[in-house]
N, C-alpha and C. Protein backbone atom coordinates (compact mmCIF):
# COMPACT_ATOMS: atom_id res chain seq x y z
N UNK A 1 0.57 -1.03 -0.17
CA UNK A 1 0.13 0.00 -0.08
C UNK A 1 0.73 1.22 0.14
N UNK A 2 2.11 0.83 0.05
CA UNK A 2 3.37 2.31 0.22
C UNK A 2 3.50 2.65 -1.18
N UNK A 3 3.28 4.09 -1.51
CA UNK A 3 3.85 4.84 -2.50
C UNK A 3 5.33 4.61 -2.89
N UNK A 4 5.98 5.22 -3.80
CA UNK A 4 7.39 5.09 -4.43
C UNK A 4 8.32 5.90 -3.20
N UNK A 5 7.57 7.21 -2.83
CA UNK A 5 8.29 7.97 -1.88
C UNK A 5 7.78 7.73 -0.28
N UNK A 6 6.87 6.39 -0.10
CA UNK A 6 6.85 5.92 1.31
C UNK A 6 5.50 6.90 1.81
N UNK A 7 4.60 7.64 1.15
CA UNK A 7 3.59 7.99 1.62
C UNK A 7 2.08 7.09 1.66
N UNK A 8 1.47 7.16 2.50
CA UNK A 8 0.56 6.17 2.37
C UNK A 8 -0.80 6.57 2.07
N UNK A 9 -1.24 5.78 1.06
CA UNK A 9 -2.52 5.80 0.12
C UNK A 9 -3.98 6.37 0.96
N UNK A 10 -3.93 5.71 2.37
CA UNK A 10 -4.65 6.40 3.16
C UNK A 10 -4.78 7.62 3.86
N UNK A 11 -3.61 8.08 3.83
CA UNK A 11 -3.05 9.38 4.65
C UNK A 11 -4.03 10.41 3.59
N UNK A 12 -3.44 10.25 2.26
CA UNK A 12 -3.23 10.92 1.18
C UNK A 12 -4.95 11.07 0.95
N UNK A 13 -5.73 9.82 0.80
CA UNK A 13 -7.52 10.14 0.49
C UNK A 13 -8.01 10.95 2.25
N UNK A 14 -7.52 10.35 2.90
CA UNK A 14 -8.16 10.92 4.28
C UNK A 14 -7.61 12.39 4.50
N UNK A 15 -6.73 12.97 3.72
CA UNK A 15 -6.11 14.74 3.47
C UNK A 15 -7.10 14.95 2.60
N UNK A 16 -7.37 14.47 1.69
CA UNK A 16 -8.80 14.80 0.38
C UNK A 16 -10.06 14.85 0.83
N UNK A 17 -10.51 13.87 1.67
CA UNK A 17 -11.73 14.14 2.19
C UNK A 17 -11.93 15.27 3.25
N UNK A 18 -11.09 15.03 4.26
CA UNK A 18 -10.78 16.23 5.36
C UNK A 18 -10.94 17.60 4.44
N UNK A 19 -10.18 17.63 3.52
CA UNK A 19 -10.43 19.34 2.28
C UNK A 19 -11.67 19.23 2.12
N UNK A 20 -12.28 18.21 1.74
CA UNK A 20 -13.74 18.72 1.12
C UNK A 20 -14.58 18.75 1.97
N UNK A 21 -14.15 18.43 3.51
CA UNK A 21 -15.63 18.50 4.17
C UNK A 21 -15.06 19.98 4.74
N UNK A 22 -14.09 20.25 4.82
CA UNK A 22 -13.59 21.90 5.38
C UNK A 22 -14.27 22.71 4.71
N UNK A 23 -13.80 22.62 3.15
CA UNK A 23 -14.41 23.55 2.16
C UNK A 23 -15.92 23.61 2.28
N UNK A 24 -16.53 22.42 2.29
CA UNK A 24 -18.24 22.59 2.26
C UNK A 24 -18.90 23.18 3.55
N UNK A 25 -18.11 23.08 4.80
CA UNK A 25 -18.18 23.68 6.06
C UNK A 25 -18.23 25.12 5.96
N UNK A 26 -17.15 25.75 4.92
CA UNK A 26 -16.86 26.94 5.19
C UNK A 26 -17.80 27.54 3.76
N UNK A 27 -18.55 27.14 2.86
CA UNK A 27 -19.40 26.96 1.64
C UNK A 27 -20.74 27.63 2.85
N UNK A 28 -21.48 26.20 3.91
CA UNK A 28 -22.19 26.41 4.46
C UNK A 28 -22.09 27.72 5.58
N UNK A 29 -21.13 27.78 6.00
CA UNK A 29 -20.94 28.89 7.23
C UNK A 29 -21.14 30.43 6.38
N UNK A 30 -20.77 30.76 5.31
CA UNK A 30 -20.79 31.76 4.39
C UNK A 30 -22.25 31.78 3.80
N UNK A 31 -22.52 31.00 3.58
CA UNK A 31 -24.46 31.16 3.15
C UNK A 31 -24.96 31.56 4.16
N UNK A 32 -24.80 30.71 5.24
CA UNK A 32 -25.61 30.78 6.47
C UNK A 32 -25.64 32.34 6.59
N UNK A 33 -24.32 32.84 6.84
CA UNK A 33 -24.67 34.25 7.51
C UNK A 33 -24.98 35.46 6.52
N UNK A 34 -24.43 35.00 5.28
CA UNK A 34 -24.99 35.91 4.26
C UNK A 34 -26.68 35.87 4.38
N UNK A 35 -27.13 34.72 4.64
CA UNK A 35 -28.72 34.95 3.96
C UNK A 35 -29.46 35.22 5.76
N UNK A 36 -29.05 34.51 6.40
CA UNK A 36 -29.82 34.49 7.78
C UNK A 36 -29.07 36.29 8.51
N UNK A 37 -28.36 36.82 8.70
CA UNK A 37 -27.84 38.20 9.08
C UNK A 37 -28.18 39.30 8.25
N UNK A 38 -27.55 38.81 6.94
CA UNK A 38 -27.85 40.28 5.85
C UNK A 38 -28.65 40.23 5.27
N UNK A 39 -29.75 39.21 5.14
CA UNK A 39 -30.55 38.84 3.93
C UNK A 39 -30.26 39.29 2.46
N UNK A 40 -28.96 38.35 2.19
CA UNK A 40 -28.57 38.64 1.00
C UNK A 40 -28.79 37.07 0.29
N UNK A 41 -28.88 36.82 -0.88
CA UNK A 41 -28.77 35.85 -1.84
C UNK A 41 -27.67 34.71 -1.47
N UNK A 42 -27.55 33.62 -1.19
CA UNK A 42 -26.59 32.54 -1.14
C UNK A 42 -25.13 32.97 -2.49
N UNK A 43 -24.04 32.66 -2.21
CA UNK A 43 -23.10 32.84 -2.89
C UNK A 43 -22.57 31.58 -3.66
N UNK A 44 -22.50 30.37 -2.72
CA UNK A 44 -21.72 29.29 -3.05
C UNK A 44 -23.19 28.06 -3.26
N UNK A 45 -24.01 28.74 -3.87
CA UNK A 45 -25.25 27.79 -4.25
C UNK A 45 -25.71 28.21 -5.47
N UNK A 46 -26.68 27.37 -5.95
CA UNK A 46 -27.15 26.80 -7.47
C UNK A 46 -28.43 27.13 -7.80
N UNK A 47 -29.17 28.38 -8.12
CA UNK A 47 -30.72 28.05 -8.09
C UNK A 47 -31.17 27.07 -9.34
N UNK A 48 -31.91 26.30 -8.26
CA UNK A 48 -32.32 24.92 -9.02
C UNK A 48 -34.02 25.05 -9.36
N UNK A 49 -34.40 26.22 -8.58
CA UNK A 49 -36.31 26.10 -8.69
C UNK A 49 -36.39 27.35 -8.63
N UNK A 50 -37.08 28.27 -9.52
CA UNK A 50 -37.63 29.41 -9.34
C UNK A 50 -38.93 29.10 -9.73
N UNK A 51 -39.59 30.23 -8.54
CA UNK A 51 -41.20 29.60 -8.54
C UNK A 51 -41.77 31.47 -9.24
N UNK A 52 -42.73 31.25 -9.49
CA UNK A 52 -43.41 32.55 -10.66
C UNK A 52 -43.84 33.77 -9.85
N UNK A 53 -43.79 33.22 -8.02
CA UNK A 53 -44.07 34.85 -7.31
C UNK A 53 -42.72 35.36 -6.74
N UNK A 54 -41.20 35.01 -7.35
CA UNK A 54 -39.86 35.19 -6.82
C UNK A 54 -39.67 34.59 -5.77
N UNK A 55 -40.14 33.17 -5.25
CA UNK A 55 -39.40 32.48 -4.62
C UNK A 55 -38.41 31.35 -5.35
N UNK A 56 -37.42 31.10 -4.87
CA UNK A 56 -36.55 30.24 -5.42
C UNK A 56 -36.01 29.52 -4.22
N UNK A 57 -36.00 27.98 -4.54
CA UNK A 57 -34.72 26.91 -4.17
C UNK A 57 -33.41 26.89 -4.60
N UNK A 58 -32.39 27.47 -3.53
CA UNK A 58 -30.94 27.09 -3.97
C UNK A 58 -30.18 25.42 -3.55
N UNK A 59 -29.58 25.07 -4.18
CA UNK A 59 -28.74 24.03 -3.74
C UNK A 59 -27.30 23.94 -3.71
N UNK A 60 -26.61 23.54 -2.03
CA UNK A 60 -25.00 23.84 -2.61
C UNK A 60 -24.86 22.75 -1.62
N UNK A 61 -23.25 22.31 -1.44
CA UNK A 61 -22.66 20.98 -0.93
C UNK A 61 -23.42 20.46 0.17
N UNK A 62 -24.23 19.75 0.31
CA UNK A 62 -25.42 19.35 1.43
C UNK A 62 -26.36 20.06 2.19
N UNK A 63 -26.35 21.32 1.76
CA UNK A 63 -27.25 21.75 2.16
C UNK A 63 -28.25 22.91 1.06
N UNK A 64 -29.30 23.42 1.35
CA UNK A 64 -30.13 24.02 0.60
C UNK A 64 -30.51 25.06 1.31
N UNK A 65 -31.03 26.23 0.37
CA UNK A 65 -31.49 27.70 0.70
C UNK A 65 -32.72 27.66 0.23
N UNK A 66 -34.08 28.38 1.26
CA UNK A 66 -35.06 28.55 0.52
C UNK A 66 -35.58 29.96 0.57
N UNK A 67 -35.91 30.65 -0.31
CA UNK A 67 -35.73 32.20 -0.67
C UNK A 67 -37.56 32.34 -0.64
N UNK A 68 -38.07 32.64 0.52
CA UNK A 68 -39.46 32.93 0.50
C UNK A 68 -39.55 34.73 0.05
N UNK A 69 -40.39 34.86 -0.82
CA UNK A 69 -40.71 36.25 -1.09
C UNK A 69 -41.94 36.38 -0.95
N UNK A 70 -42.62 37.25 -0.20
CA UNK A 70 -44.31 37.81 0.43
C UNK A 70 -44.28 39.00 -0.40
N UNK A 71 -45.39 38.62 -1.50
CA UNK A 71 -45.92 39.94 -2.23
C UNK A 71 -46.19 41.06 -1.39
N UNK A 72 -47.14 40.82 -0.46
CA UNK A 72 -47.94 41.98 0.11
C UNK A 72 -47.44 42.95 0.78
N UNK A 73 -46.16 42.48 1.56
CA UNK A 73 -45.30 43.58 2.31
C UNK A 73 -43.74 43.47 1.63
N UNK A 74 -43.58 43.08 0.43
CA UNK A 74 -42.21 42.81 -0.32
C UNK A 74 -41.42 42.77 0.46
N UNK A 75 -41.20 41.40 1.15
CA UNK A 75 -40.14 41.05 1.89
C UNK A 75 -39.34 39.70 1.50
N UNK A 76 -38.25 39.82 2.06
CA UNK A 76 -37.81 38.22 1.58
C UNK A 76 -37.29 37.44 2.98
N UNK A 77 -37.54 36.35 2.80
CA UNK A 77 -36.81 35.71 3.64
C UNK A 77 -36.13 34.46 3.13
N UNK A 78 -34.67 33.91 3.91
CA UNK A 78 -34.03 32.90 3.56
C UNK A 78 -34.44 31.84 4.66
N UNK A 79 -34.51 30.53 4.37
CA UNK A 79 -34.15 29.69 5.62
C UNK A 79 -33.22 28.39 4.84
N UNK A 80 -32.37 28.05 5.76
CA UNK A 80 -30.91 27.07 5.13
C UNK A 80 -31.67 25.58 6.29
N UNK A 81 -31.36 24.55 5.48
CA UNK A 81 -31.55 23.23 5.71
C UNK A 81 -30.80 22.44 4.84
N UNK A 82 -30.77 21.29 5.11
CA UNK A 82 -30.01 20.06 4.57
C UNK A 82 -30.65 19.19 3.61
N UNK A 83 -30.37 18.79 2.81
CA UNK A 83 -31.04 18.23 1.56
C UNK A 83 -31.75 17.40 1.96
N UNK A 84 -31.95 16.28 3.01
CA UNK A 84 -32.58 15.45 2.97
C UNK A 84 -33.86 15.95 4.17
N UNK A 85 -33.55 16.58 4.63
CA UNK A 85 -34.70 17.18 5.85
C UNK A 85 -36.02 17.93 5.12
N UNK A 86 -36.75 17.67 5.40
CA UNK A 86 -38.13 18.75 5.04
C UNK A 86 -37.95 20.09 5.07
N UNK A 87 -38.76 20.92 4.49
CA UNK A 87 -38.58 22.16 4.76
C UNK A 87 -39.17 22.90 5.84
N UNK A 88 -39.91 22.42 6.81
CA UNK A 88 -40.39 22.82 7.69
C UNK A 88 -39.11 22.70 8.73
N UNK A 89 -38.45 22.01 9.10
CA UNK A 89 -36.92 22.28 10.04
C UNK A 89 -36.37 22.67 8.93
N UNK A 90 -35.45 24.15 9.71
CA UNK A 90 -34.75 24.75 8.93
C UNK A 90 -34.02 25.45 10.09
N UNK A 91 -32.72 26.13 9.84
CA UNK A 91 -31.78 26.61 10.69
C UNK A 91 -31.92 28.38 10.78
């Protein structure tokens, strides 16, 4: 299992997996702070569904963001959750 320079493949795989987890956590934290504190759209998410009333669903690395537009008072609320958890449970 050792390569030519003596680096174990398991260590390389563990480092790559931990880098992906760290990056996705940083993306999640950035989008969470941006949407909840400042009321701005997420940066690291892709808009997947856009509804006719101005609402939208965004998907990121393991999490999702819902944009709810209220047409009567013209306000926008953002809700953050995870892919497999229903919409009524949000952060």
